[in-house]
Amino acid sequence: MFDYSGIILKKGCFLFLLLALFAGTLPVSAQVGQKVCPVTIYDAYNKPLSLPSLGQKHLLIFYVDPDHPSQNKEFRNYFKKHPFTNENIDSYGIINLKDAPLLANSLLRFMIRKEIAGTQAYVYNDPDRSLSRAWKLGNVNNKFVVLWVNKEQVIEFFKAGQLTPEEVEQVHALIRKYKDAPFPVEEKTKNDSLAFPATELVETYPE
């Protein structure tokens, strides 16, 4: 007589072990509360630099796939009309060049220079997904990523894709939280920006 209960139990253990092994191979995605490390990115002239203001200011970072510029357009346009950066908060965009293979990097860098000429905006570029890999952002292809990283280099907000109204309010709440917070007097660096990157660069490409 077969011991069906024993067979079922063994199958259950096997499936549990299989799932555990499979889960161990899954990539770990960025999470709120995760501490991030410095990353080398590039300016509009393709000169390398460390991620500006990391550990010095609270950062609102936009990591953009130029193939899909329409995501979060209304959200970005609001900040163009209502600048919020100051001694405590900085904000800039980073173009994810690797996920736009049909657009030449040299052309994208030229367009960046053209768009920011005469402005106080800052837009950088990431040619090989350095930021995505270092911060474990996961698959951000075709995504407009919004990140808030505080001065302790801890992620307080992360969304890859279109923000919901609730998520938009979360970002506004972080701005309110930190905008008037005490800030130690320090010498400004050349990478300090005074306004949200008011550039339509990511809106110049077709979907």
N, C-alpha and C. Protein backbone atom coordinates (compact mmCIF):
# COMPACT_ATOMS: atom_id res chain seq x y z
N MET A 1 0.84 -1.20 0.00
CA MET A 1 0.00 0.00 0.00
C MET A 1 0.88 1.25 0.00
N PHE A 2 0.62 2.17 -0.90
CA PHE A 2 1.46 3.37 -1.03
C PHE A 2 1.14 4.38 0.06
N ASP A 3 2.18 5.03 0.52
CA ASP A 3 2.03 6.11 1.51
C ASP A 3 1.89 7.43 0.77
N TYR A 4 0.63 7.73 0.36
CA TYR A 4 0.41 8.94 -0.42
C TYR A 4 0.76 10.21 0.35
N SER A 5 0.49 10.20 1.66
CA SER A 5 0.77 11.40 2.46
C SER A 5 2.27 11.69 2.47
N GLY A 6 3.07 10.61 2.52
CA GLY A 6 4.52 10.79 2.50
C GLY A 6 4.99 11.32 1.17
N ILE A 7 4.39 10.83 0.08
CA ILE A 7 4.76 11.30 -1.24
C ILE A 7 4.42 12.78 -1.40
N ILE A 8 3.23 13.15 -0.93
CA ILE A 8 2.80 14.55 -1.02
C ILE A 8 3.73 15.45 -0.21
N LEU A 9 4.14 14.98 0.99
CA LEU A 9 5.03 15.76 1.84
C LEU A 9 6.38 15.96 1.17
N LYS A 10 6.89 14.87 0.58
CA LYS A 10 8.18 14.97 -0.10
C LYS A 10 8.11 15.92 -1.29
N LYS A 11 7.01 15.84 -2.03
CA LYS A 11 6.83 16.75 -3.16
C LYS A 11 6.78 18.20 -2.68
N GLY A 12 6.09 18.39 -1.54
CA GLY A 12 5.99 19.74 -0.99
C GLY A 12 7.35 20.27 -0.59
N CYS A 13 8.18 19.42 0.02
CA CYS A 13 9.52 19.85 0.41
C CYS A 13 10.37 20.16 -0.81
N PHE A 14 10.23 19.34 -1.83
CA PHE A 14 11.00 19.55 -3.05
C PHE A 14 10.64 20.88 -3.71
N LEU A 15 9.33 21.15 -3.78
CA LEU A 15 8.89 22.40 -4.38
C LEU A 15 9.36 23.60 -3.58
N PHE A 16 9.35 23.46 -2.24
CA PHE A 16 9.81 24.55 -1.38
C PHE A 16 11.29 24.85 -1.64
N LEU A 17 12.10 23.77 -1.73
CA LEU A 17 13.53 23.94 -1.98
C LEU A 17 13.77 24.55 -3.35
N LEU A 18 12.97 24.10 -4.34
CA LEU A 18 13.10 24.63 -5.69
C LEU A 18 12.80 26.12 -5.74
N LEU A 19 11.72 26.51 -5.06
CA LEU A 19 11.35 27.93 -5.02
C LEU A 19 12.41 28.75 -4.29
N ALA A 20 12.97 28.18 -3.23
CA ALA A 20 13.99 28.89 -2.47
C ALA A 20 15.24 29.11 -3.31
N LEU A 21 15.64 28.08 -4.06
CA LEU A 21 16.80 28.20 -4.93
C LEU A 21 16.55 29.21 -6.04
N PHE A 22 15.34 29.17 -6.62
CA PHE A 22 14.99 30.09 -7.69
C PHE A 22 14.96 31.52 -7.19
N ALA A 23 14.40 31.72 -6.00
CA ALA A 23 14.34 33.06 -5.41
C ALA A 23 15.73 33.62 -5.18
N GLY A 24 16.67 32.72 -4.85
CA GLY A 24 18.03 33.16 -4.62
C GLY A 24 18.72 33.67 -5.86
N THR A 25 18.20 33.31 -7.02
CA THR A 25 18.81 33.75 -8.27
C THR A 25 18.16 35.01 -8.82
N LEU A 26 17.06 35.45 -8.23
CA LEU A 26 16.37 36.63 -8.72
C LEU A 26 17.15 37.89 -8.38
N PRO A 27 17.19 38.88 -9.27
CA PRO A 27 17.89 40.12 -8.98
C PRO A 27 17.20 40.89 -7.87
N VAL A 28 18.00 41.54 -7.04
CA VAL A 28 17.46 42.33 -5.93
C VAL A 28 17.23 43.75 -6.45
N SER A 29 16.02 44.26 -6.24
CA SER A 29 15.68 45.60 -6.71
C SER A 29 15.90 46.62 -5.62
N ALA A 30 16.10 47.85 -6.04
CA ALA A 30 16.28 48.94 -5.08
C ALA A 30 15.04 49.06 -4.20
N GLN A 31 15.27 49.34 -2.95
CA GLN A 31 14.18 49.46 -2.00
C GLN A 31 14.33 50.74 -1.19
N VAL A 32 13.20 51.28 -0.75
CA VAL A 32 13.23 52.41 0.16
C VAL A 32 13.95 51.97 1.44
N GLY A 33 14.89 52.77 1.90
CA GLY A 33 15.70 52.42 3.06
C GLY A 33 17.08 51.90 2.69
N GLN A 34 17.30 51.63 1.42
CA GLN A 34 18.60 51.12 0.96
C GLN A 34 19.60 52.27 0.88
N LYS A 35 20.82 52.03 1.37
CA LYS A 35 21.88 53.03 1.26
C LYS A 35 22.61 52.84 -0.06
N VAL A 36 22.87 53.94 -0.74
CA VAL A 36 23.48 53.87 -2.07
C VAL A 36 24.92 54.36 -2.02
N CYS A 37 25.67 54.00 -3.04
CA CYS A 37 27.09 54.32 -3.12
C CYS A 37 27.34 55.38 -4.19
N PRO A 38 28.50 56.03 -4.16
CA PRO A 38 28.85 56.97 -5.24
C PRO A 38 28.94 56.24 -6.58
N VAL A 39 28.61 56.96 -7.65
CA VAL A 39 28.63 56.40 -9.00
C VAL A 39 29.26 57.43 -9.93
N THR A 40 30.05 56.95 -10.88
CA THR A 40 30.63 57.82 -11.90
C THR A 40 29.66 57.97 -13.07
N ILE A 41 29.32 59.21 -13.39
CA ILE A 41 28.49 59.50 -14.56
C ILE A 41 29.27 60.47 -15.44
N TYR A 42 28.63 61.05 -16.46
CA TYR A 42 29.34 61.91 -17.40
C TYR A 42 28.53 63.17 -17.66
N ASP A 43 29.27 64.27 -17.90
CA ASP A 43 28.58 65.51 -18.21
C ASP A 43 28.28 65.59 -19.70
N ALA A 44 27.76 66.73 -20.14
CA ALA A 44 27.35 66.88 -21.54
C ALA A 44 28.51 66.84 -22.51
N TYR A 45 29.74 67.00 -22.00
CA TYR A 45 30.93 66.92 -22.84
C TYR A 45 31.65 65.58 -22.69
N ASN A 46 30.96 64.63 -22.06
CA ASN A 46 31.45 63.27 -21.88
C ASN A 46 32.65 63.20 -20.93
N LYS A 47 32.72 64.13 -19.99
CA LYS A 47 33.76 64.09 -18.97
C LYS A 47 33.21 63.41 -17.72
N PRO A 48 33.96 62.44 -17.17
CA PRO A 48 33.46 61.71 -16.00
C PRO A 48 33.47 62.57 -14.74
N LEU A 49 32.51 62.30 -13.88
CA LEU A 49 32.45 62.96 -12.58
C LEU A 49 31.65 62.09 -11.63
N SER A 50 31.92 62.25 -10.35
CA SER A 50 31.16 61.52 -9.34
C SER A 50 29.77 62.13 -9.22
N LEU A 51 28.79 61.33 -8.86
CA LEU A 51 27.40 61.79 -8.77
C LEU A 51 27.33 63.05 -7.92
N PRO A 52 26.93 64.19 -8.50
CA PRO A 52 26.98 65.47 -7.79
C PRO A 52 26.10 65.51 -6.54
N SER A 53 26.65 66.14 -5.50
CA SER A 53 25.93 66.46 -4.25
C SER A 53 25.52 65.23 -3.44
N LEU A 54 25.92 64.03 -3.86
CA LEU A 54 25.56 62.84 -3.09
C LEU A 54 26.22 62.89 -1.72
N GLY A 55 25.41 62.77 -0.67
CA GLY A 55 25.91 62.85 0.69
C GLY A 55 26.04 64.27 1.21
N GLN A 56 25.79 65.26 0.35
CA GLN A 56 25.87 66.66 0.74
C GLN A 56 24.50 67.33 0.78
N LYS A 57 23.61 66.89 -0.11
CA LYS A 57 22.26 67.44 -0.17
C LYS A 57 21.25 66.29 -0.33
N HIS A 58 20.00 66.62 -0.09
CA HIS A 58 18.92 65.71 -0.44
C HIS A 58 18.72 65.83 -1.95
N LEU A 59 18.56 64.70 -2.63
CA LEU A 59 18.55 64.70 -4.09
C LEU A 59 17.26 64.14 -4.66
N LEU A 60 16.70 64.89 -5.60
CA LEU A 60 15.62 64.37 -6.45
C LEU A 60 16.25 64.11 -7.81
N ILE A 61 16.37 62.83 -8.17
CA ILE A 61 17.08 62.43 -9.38
C ILE A 61 16.11 61.82 -10.37
N PHE A 62 16.24 62.23 -11.63
CA PHE A 62 15.43 61.65 -12.70
C PHE A 62 16.36 60.84 -13.61
N TYR A 63 16.11 59.56 -13.68
CA TYR A 63 16.93 58.66 -14.51
C TYR A 63 16.08 58.29 -15.72
N VAL A 64 16.46 58.84 -16.88
CA VAL A 64 15.54 58.91 -18.02
C VAL A 64 15.96 58.01 -19.17
N ASP A 65 15.04 57.21 -19.66
CA ASP A 65 15.22 56.51 -20.92
C ASP A 65 14.67 57.43 -22.01
N PRO A 66 15.54 57.97 -22.89
CA PRO A 66 15.05 58.94 -23.88
C PRO A 66 14.13 58.35 -24.93
N ASP A 67 14.00 57.02 -24.96
CA ASP A 67 13.03 56.40 -25.86
C ASP A 67 11.59 56.64 -25.42
N HIS A 68 11.39 56.94 -24.13
CA HIS A 68 10.04 57.11 -23.58
C HIS A 68 9.98 58.42 -22.78
N PRO A 69 9.99 59.55 -23.46
CA PRO A 69 10.07 60.83 -22.77
C PRO A 69 8.77 61.33 -22.16
N SER A 70 7.65 60.72 -22.51
CA SER A 70 6.37 61.29 -22.08
C SER A 70 5.99 60.91 -20.66
N GLN A 71 6.64 59.90 -20.09
CA GLN A 71 6.28 59.49 -18.73
C GLN A 71 6.57 60.63 -17.75
N ASN A 72 5.67 60.88 -16.86
CA ASN A 72 5.81 61.87 -15.79
C ASN A 72 6.03 63.29 -16.32
N LYS A 73 5.51 63.58 -17.50
CA LYS A 73 5.70 64.89 -18.10
C LYS A 73 5.05 65.99 -17.26
N GLU A 74 3.82 65.77 -16.84
CA GLU A 74 3.11 66.77 -16.04
C GLU A 74 3.84 67.02 -14.72
N PHE A 75 4.35 65.96 -14.12
CA PHE A 75 5.11 66.04 -12.87
C PHE A 75 6.35 66.92 -13.06
N ARG A 76 7.09 66.71 -14.14
CA ARG A 76 8.29 67.49 -14.41
C ARG A 76 7.95 68.94 -14.73
N ASN A 77 6.91 69.15 -15.51
CA ASN A 77 6.54 70.51 -15.88
C ASN A 77 6.16 71.35 -14.68
N TYR A 78 5.57 70.73 -13.67
CA TYR A 78 5.21 71.47 -12.46
C TYR A 78 6.45 72.08 -11.82
N PHE A 79 7.53 71.31 -11.75
CA PHE A 79 8.73 71.81 -11.10
C PHE A 79 9.48 72.83 -11.95
N LYS A 80 9.24 72.83 -13.24
CA LYS A 80 9.83 73.87 -14.08
C LYS A 80 9.21 75.23 -13.74
N LYS A 81 7.95 75.22 -13.38
CA LYS A 81 7.25 76.44 -13.02
C LYS A 81 7.36 76.77 -11.54
N HIS A 82 7.70 75.75 -10.73
CA HIS A 82 7.79 75.94 -9.28
C HIS A 82 9.12 75.37 -8.78
N PRO A 83 10.22 76.09 -9.01
CA PRO A 83 11.54 75.60 -8.54
C PRO A 83 11.55 75.41 -7.03
N PHE A 84 12.28 74.42 -6.57
CA PHE A 84 12.27 74.10 -5.15
C PHE A 84 13.67 73.89 -4.58
N THR A 85 14.71 73.85 -5.41
CA THR A 85 16.04 73.54 -4.90
C THR A 85 16.61 74.71 -4.11
N ASN A 86 17.43 74.38 -3.11
CA ASN A 86 18.07 75.40 -2.29
C ASN A 86 19.33 74.78 -1.67
N GLU A 87 19.77 75.31 -0.52
CA GLU A 87 20.98 74.78 0.11
C GLU A 87 20.82 73.34 0.58
N ASN A 88 19.57 72.91 0.76
CA ASN A 88 19.32 71.56 1.27
C ASN A 88 19.05 70.53 0.18
N ILE A 89 18.49 70.98 -0.94
CA ILE A 89 17.97 70.06 -1.95
C ILE A 89 18.56 70.39 -3.31
N ASP A 90 18.95 69.35 -4.03
CA ASP A 90 19.39 69.51 -5.41
C ASP A 90 18.57 68.56 -6.27
N SER A 91 18.54 68.84 -7.58
CA SER A 91 17.79 67.99 -8.50
C SER A 91 18.44 68.06 -9.87
N TYR A 92 18.52 66.92 -10.53
CA TYR A 92 19.06 66.88 -11.89
C TYR A 92 18.60 65.62 -12.59
N GLY A 93 18.82 65.62 -13.90
CA GLY A 93 18.45 64.46 -14.71
C GLY A 93 19.69 63.71 -15.18
N ILE A 94 19.54 62.41 -15.33
CA ILE A 94 20.60 61.56 -15.87
C ILE A 94 19.99 60.75 -17.01
N ILE A 95 20.56 60.90 -18.21
CA ILE A 95 20.04 60.20 -19.37
C ILE A 95 20.62 58.80 -19.44
N ASN A 96 19.76 57.82 -19.50
CA ASN A 96 20.15 56.41 -19.59
C ASN A 96 20.42 56.08 -21.06
N LEU A 97 21.65 56.32 -21.51
CA LEU A 97 21.99 56.16 -22.93
C LEU A 97 21.94 54.71 -23.38
N LYS A 98 22.27 53.79 -22.51
CA LYS A 98 22.37 52.37 -22.90
C LYS A 98 21.04 51.82 -23.38
N ASP A 99 19.94 52.30 -22.81
CA ASP A 99 18.62 51.78 -23.18
C ASP A 99 17.99 52.55 -24.34
N ALA A 100 18.82 53.32 -25.04
CA ALA A 100 18.36 53.99 -26.26
C ALA A 100 19.34 53.66 -27.38
N PRO A 101 19.44 52.38 -27.78
CA PRO A 101 20.48 51.95 -28.72
C PRO A 101 20.34 52.54 -30.12
N LEU A 102 19.15 52.99 -30.48
CA LEU A 102 18.96 53.52 -31.83
C LEU A 102 19.35 54.99 -31.94
N LEU A 103 19.67 55.60 -30.80
CA LEU A 103 20.08 57.00 -30.79
C LEU A 103 21.57 57.08 -30.47
N ALA A 104 22.34 57.67 -31.35
CA ALA A 104 23.79 57.76 -31.17
C ALA A 104 24.12 58.58 -29.92
N ASN A 105 25.05 58.08 -29.10
CA ASN A 105 25.43 58.78 -27.88
C ASN A 105 25.98 60.18 -28.18
N SER A 106 26.74 60.30 -29.24
CA SER A 106 27.31 61.61 -29.59
C SER A 106 26.20 62.61 -29.92
N LEU A 107 25.15 62.13 -30.59
CA LEU A 107 24.02 63.00 -30.91
C LEU A 107 23.28 63.40 -29.64
N LEU A 108 23.09 62.46 -28.75
CA LEU A 108 22.40 62.76 -27.50
C LEU A 108 23.18 63.78 -26.67
N ARG A 109 24.49 63.61 -26.61
CA ARG A 109 25.31 64.56 -25.86
C ARG A 109 25.25 65.95 -26.48
N PHE A 110 25.23 66.02 -27.81
CA PHE A 110 25.10 67.31 -28.49
C PHE A 110 23.77 67.97 -28.13
N MET A 111 22.72 67.19 -28.12
CA MET A 111 21.40 67.74 -27.81
C MET A 111 21.33 68.19 -26.35
N ILE A 112 22.02 67.46 -25.47
CA ILE A 112 22.08 67.88 -24.07
C ILE A 112 22.74 69.26 -23.96
N ARG A 113 23.88 69.41 -24.62
CA ARG A 113 24.59 70.70 -24.58
C ARG A 113 23.71 71.82 -25.13
N LYS A 114 23.00 71.53 -26.21
CA LYS A 114 22.14 72.53 -26.83
C LYS A 114 21.00 72.93 -25.90
N GLU A 115 20.41 71.95 -25.23
CA GLU A 115 19.24 72.22 -24.40
C GLU A 115 19.60 72.99 -23.13
N ILE A 116 20.78 72.75 -22.56
CA ILE A 116 21.11 73.39 -21.29
C ILE A 116 21.92 74.67 -21.47
N ALA A 117 22.28 75.00 -22.71
CA ALA A 117 23.06 76.22 -22.95
C ALA A 117 22.32 77.44 -22.43
N GLY A 118 23.01 78.25 -21.61
CA GLY A 118 22.41 79.47 -21.10
C GLY A 118 21.46 79.27 -19.94
N THR A 119 21.39 78.07 -19.42
CA THR A 119 20.49 77.80 -18.28
C THR A 119 21.32 77.36 -17.08
N GLN A 120 20.66 77.24 -15.95
CA GLN A 120 21.30 76.71 -14.75
C GLN A 120 20.92 75.24 -14.55
N ALA A 121 20.41 74.65 -15.58
CA ALA A 121 19.98 73.25 -15.49
C ALA A 121 21.17 72.32 -15.60
N TYR A 122 21.01 71.16 -15.03
CA TYR A 122 22.05 70.15 -15.10
C TYR A 122 21.44 68.84 -15.58
N VAL A 123 21.99 68.34 -16.66
CA VAL A 123 21.59 67.04 -17.18
C VAL A 123 22.87 66.27 -17.48
N TYR A 124 22.98 65.08 -16.93
CA TYR A 124 24.16 64.25 -17.12
C TYR A 124 23.77 63.02 -17.94
N ASN A 125 24.75 62.16 -18.19
CA ASN A 125 24.43 60.94 -18.93
C ASN A 125 25.15 59.74 -18.35
N ASP A 126 24.54 58.59 -18.54
CA ASP A 126 25.06 57.31 -18.06
C ASP A 126 25.13 56.37 -19.26
N PRO A 127 26.32 56.16 -19.83
CA PRO A 127 26.41 55.40 -21.08
C PRO A 127 26.33 53.89 -20.94
N ASP A 128 26.48 53.37 -19.71
CA ASP A 128 26.54 51.91 -19.56
C ASP A 128 25.74 51.37 -18.38
N ARG A 129 24.70 52.09 -17.99
CA ARG A 129 23.83 51.69 -16.87
C ARG A 129 24.59 51.60 -15.54
N SER A 130 25.62 52.41 -15.36
CA SER A 130 26.38 52.37 -14.10
C SER A 130 25.50 52.63 -12.89
N LEU A 131 24.64 53.63 -12.99
CA LEU A 131 23.76 53.96 -11.87
C LEU A 131 22.77 52.84 -11.63
N SER A 132 22.16 52.33 -12.69
CA SER A 132 21.18 51.26 -12.57
C SER A 132 21.78 50.03 -11.91
N ARG A 133 22.99 49.66 -12.29
CA ARG A 133 23.62 48.46 -11.74
C ARG A 133 24.08 48.70 -10.30
N ALA A 134 24.71 49.84 -10.05
CA ALA A 134 25.24 50.10 -8.71
C ALA A 134 24.14 50.22 -7.67
N TRP A 135 23.01 50.78 -8.05
CA TRP A 135 21.92 50.98 -7.11
C TRP A 135 20.83 49.91 -7.23
N LYS A 136 21.08 48.90 -8.06
CA LYS A 136 20.13 47.78 -8.22
C LYS A 136 18.72 48.26 -8.57
N LEU A 137 18.64 49.07 -9.60
CA LEU A 137 17.34 49.60 -10.01
C LEU A 137 16.51 48.60 -10.80
N GLY A 138 17.13 47.49 -11.20
CA GLY A 138 16.39 46.48 -11.96
C GLY A 138 16.27 46.88 -13.42
N ASN A 139 15.29 46.32 -14.09
CA ASN A 139 15.07 46.61 -15.50
C ASN A 139 14.35 47.95 -15.65
N VAL A 140 15.10 48.97 -16.04
CA VAL A 140 14.52 50.30 -16.18
C VAL A 140 14.40 50.70 -17.65
N ASN A 141 14.55 49.76 -18.55
CA ASN A 141 14.37 50.04 -19.97
C ASN A 141 12.94 50.53 -20.22
N ASN A 142 12.80 51.58 -20.99
CA ASN A 142 11.50 52.18 -21.30
C ASN A 142 10.83 52.79 -20.06
N LYS A 143 11.62 53.14 -19.05
CA LYS A 143 11.06 53.69 -17.82
C LYS A 143 11.67 55.06 -17.51
N PHE A 144 10.86 55.94 -16.97
CA PHE A 144 11.33 57.20 -16.42
C PHE A 144 11.37 57.01 -14.91
N VAL A 145 12.58 56.96 -14.35
CA VAL A 145 12.76 56.63 -12.94
C VAL A 145 12.84 57.92 -12.12
N VAL A 146 12.14 57.92 -10.99
CA VAL A 146 12.19 59.04 -10.04
C VAL A 146 12.77 58.51 -8.73
N LEU A 147 13.83 59.15 -8.26
CA LEU A 147 14.50 58.74 -7.02
C LEU A 147 14.65 59.93 -6.08
N TRP A 148 14.40 59.69 -4.80
CA TRP A 148 14.75 60.66 -3.78
C TRP A 148 15.77 59.99 -2.86
N VAL A 149 16.97 60.60 -2.77
CA VAL A 149 18.05 60.09 -1.93
C VAL A 149 18.42 61.17 -0.93
N ASN A 150 18.35 60.87 0.37
CA ASN A 150 18.64 61.90 1.36
C ASN A 150 20.14 62.06 1.59
N LYS A 151 20.51 63.00 2.47
CA LYS A 151 21.93 63.31 2.69
C LYS A 151 22.70 62.16 3.31
N GLU A 152 21.98 61.24 3.91
CA GLU A 152 22.64 60.04 4.45
C GLU A 152 22.82 58.98 3.37
N GLN A 153 22.50 59.33 2.13
CA GLN A 153 22.63 58.46 0.96
C GLN A 153 21.68 57.26 1.03
N VAL A 154 20.52 57.50 1.60
CA VAL A 154 19.49 56.47 1.74
C VAL A 154 18.32 56.80 0.82
N ILE A 155 17.84 55.81 0.10
CA ILE A 155 16.69 56.00 -0.79
C ILE A 155 15.42 56.19 0.04
N GLU A 156 14.73 57.30 -0.18
CA GLU A 156 13.45 57.53 0.49
C GLU A 156 12.27 57.40 -0.46
N PHE A 157 12.56 57.42 -1.76
CA PHE A 157 11.50 57.21 -2.76
C PHE A 157 12.12 56.63 -4.01
N PHE A 158 11.42 55.64 -4.59
CA PHE A 158 11.89 55.03 -5.83
C PHE A 158 10.68 54.55 -6.63
N LYS A 159 10.61 55.01 -7.89
CA LYS A 159 9.56 54.53 -8.78
C LYS A 159 10.11 54.51 -10.20
N ALA A 160 9.98 53.37 -10.86
CA ALA A 160 10.36 53.24 -12.26
C ALA A 160 9.07 53.19 -13.07
N GLY A 161 8.77 54.28 -13.78
CA GLY A 161 7.53 54.33 -14.55
C GLY A 161 6.67 55.52 -14.15
N GLN A 162 5.43 55.50 -14.63
CA GLN A 162 4.50 56.60 -14.40
C GLN A 162 4.10 56.69 -12.94
N LEU A 163 4.21 57.87 -12.35
CA LEU A 163 3.81 58.07 -10.96
C LEU A 163 2.30 58.13 -10.83
N THR A 164 1.80 57.58 -9.74
CA THR A 164 0.39 57.72 -9.39
C THR A 164 0.22 59.05 -8.65
N PRO A 165 -1.02 59.55 -8.53
CA PRO A 165 -1.22 60.78 -7.74
C PRO A 165 -0.70 60.65 -6.31
N GLU A 166 -0.84 59.48 -5.72
CA GLU A 166 -0.35 59.25 -4.36
C GLU A 166 1.18 59.35 -4.31
N GLU A 167 1.84 58.84 -5.33
CA GLU A 167 3.30 58.90 -5.37
C GLU A 167 3.80 60.31 -5.61
N VAL A 168 3.07 61.07 -6.43
CA VAL A 168 3.42 62.48 -6.63
C VAL A 168 3.37 63.22 -5.30
N GLU A 169 2.35 62.96 -4.50
CA GLU A 169 2.22 63.61 -3.21
C GLU A 169 3.35 63.19 -2.27
N GLN A 170 3.82 61.95 -2.37
CA GLN A 170 4.95 61.51 -1.55
C GLN A 170 6.19 62.34 -1.84
N VAL A 171 6.44 62.63 -3.12
CA VAL A 171 7.59 63.45 -3.48
C VAL A 171 7.43 64.87 -2.95
N HIS A 172 6.23 65.43 -3.10
CA HIS A 172 5.98 66.78 -2.58
C HIS A 172 6.17 66.81 -1.06
N ALA A 173 5.77 65.76 -0.39
CA ALA A 173 5.93 65.69 1.07
C ALA A 173 7.41 65.69 1.45
N LEU A 174 8.24 65.01 0.67
CA LEU A 174 9.68 65.01 0.94
C LEU A 174 10.28 66.40 0.73
N ILE A 175 9.81 67.10 -0.29
CA ILE A 175 10.29 68.46 -0.53
C ILE A 175 9.93 69.35 0.66
N ARG A 176 8.68 69.25 1.11
CA ARG A 176 8.26 70.05 2.26
C ARG A 176 9.07 69.69 3.50
N LYS A 177 9.37 68.43 3.65
CA LYS A 177 10.10 67.94 4.83
C LYS A 177 11.51 68.53 4.91
N TYR A 178 12.19 68.62 3.77
CA TYR A 178 13.60 68.98 3.78
C TYR A 178 13.91 70.40 3.31
N LYS A 179 12.97 71.07 2.70
CA LYS A 179 13.28 72.36 2.09
C LYS A 179 13.77 73.38 3.10
N ASP A 180 13.17 73.42 4.25
CA ASP A 180 13.53 74.42 5.26
C ASP A 180 14.31 73.82 6.42
N ALA A 181 14.84 72.61 6.23
CA ALA A 181 15.62 71.97 7.29
C ALA A 181 16.94 72.70 7.47
N PRO A 182 17.48 72.71 8.71
CA PRO A 182 18.78 73.37 8.93
C PRO A 182 19.85 72.77 8.04
N PHE A 183 20.73 73.63 7.55
CA PHE A 183 21.79 73.18 6.66
C PHE A 183 23.11 73.79 7.11
N PRO A 184 24.16 72.98 7.34
CA PRO A 184 25.44 73.55 7.76
C PRO A 184 26.05 74.41 6.67
N VAL A 185 26.69 75.50 7.09
CA VAL A 185 27.31 76.41 6.12
C VAL A 185 28.53 75.74 5.53
N GLU A 186 28.51 75.58 4.22
CA GLU A 186 29.63 74.97 3.51
C GLU A 186 29.88 75.75 2.22
N GLU A 187 31.08 75.62 1.70
CA GLU A 187 31.39 76.26 0.43
C GLU A 187 30.66 75.52 -0.68
N LYS A 188 29.96 76.24 -1.54
CA LYS A 188 29.25 75.62 -2.65
C LYS A 188 30.24 75.04 -3.64
N THR A 189 29.90 73.93 -4.22
CA THR A 189 30.73 73.33 -5.25
C THR A 189 30.22 73.76 -6.61
N LYS A 190 31.02 73.56 -7.62
CA LYS A 190 30.62 73.97 -8.96
C LYS A 190 29.47 73.15 -9.50
N ASN A 191 29.17 72.01 -8.84
CA ASN A 191 28.09 71.15 -9.32
C ASN A 191 26.75 71.49 -8.69
N ASP A 192 26.77 72.47 -7.73
CA ASP A 192 25.51 72.84 -7.10
C ASP A 192 24.60 73.47 -8.14
N SER A 193 23.36 72.99 -8.24
CA SER A 193 22.41 73.59 -9.16
C SER A 193 21.39 74.40 -8.39
N LEU A 194 20.85 75.40 -9.05
CA LEU A 194 19.93 76.32 -8.39
C LEU A 194 18.49 76.08 -8.78
N ALA A 195 18.25 75.23 -9.75
CA ALA A 195 16.88 75.03 -10.21
C ALA A 195 16.73 73.67 -10.82
N PHE A 196 15.48 73.22 -10.86
CA PHE A 196 15.17 71.95 -11.52
C PHE A 196 15.65 72.02 -12.96
N PRO A 197 16.23 70.91 -13.49
CA PRO A 197 16.73 70.95 -14.86
C PRO A 197 15.64 71.26 -15.87
N ALA A 198 15.49 72.55 -16.20
CA ALA A 198 14.40 72.97 -17.08
C ALA A 198 14.78 72.73 -18.52
N THR A 199 14.78 71.47 -18.91
CA THR A 199 15.15 71.10 -20.26
C THR A 199 14.12 70.19 -20.85
N GLU A 200 13.88 70.38 -22.12
CA GLU A 200 12.92 69.52 -22.82
C GLU A 200 13.64 68.42 -23.59
N LEU A 201 14.90 68.15 -23.21
CA LEU A 201 15.69 67.16 -23.93
C LEU A 201 14.94 65.86 -24.14
N VAL A 202 14.41 65.33 -23.04
CA VAL A 202 13.78 64.03 -23.13
C VAL A 202 12.46 64.07 -23.87
N GLU A 203 12.02 65.27 -24.23
CA GLU A 203 10.77 65.36 -24.95
C GLU A 203 10.99 65.56 -26.46
N THR A 204 12.25 65.49 -26.88
CA THR A 204 12.53 65.74 -28.29
C THR A 204 12.62 64.46 -29.11
N TYR A 205 12.44 63.31 -28.46
CA TYR A 205 12.57 62.05 -29.16
C TYR A 205 11.21 61.43 -29.37
N PRO A 206 11.02 60.77 -30.47
CA PRO A 206 9.74 60.08 -30.69
C PRO A 206 9.61 58.89 -29.78
N GLU A 207 8.36 58.51 -29.44
CA GLU A 207 8.13 57.31 -28.64
C GLU A 207 8.55 56.08 -29.41
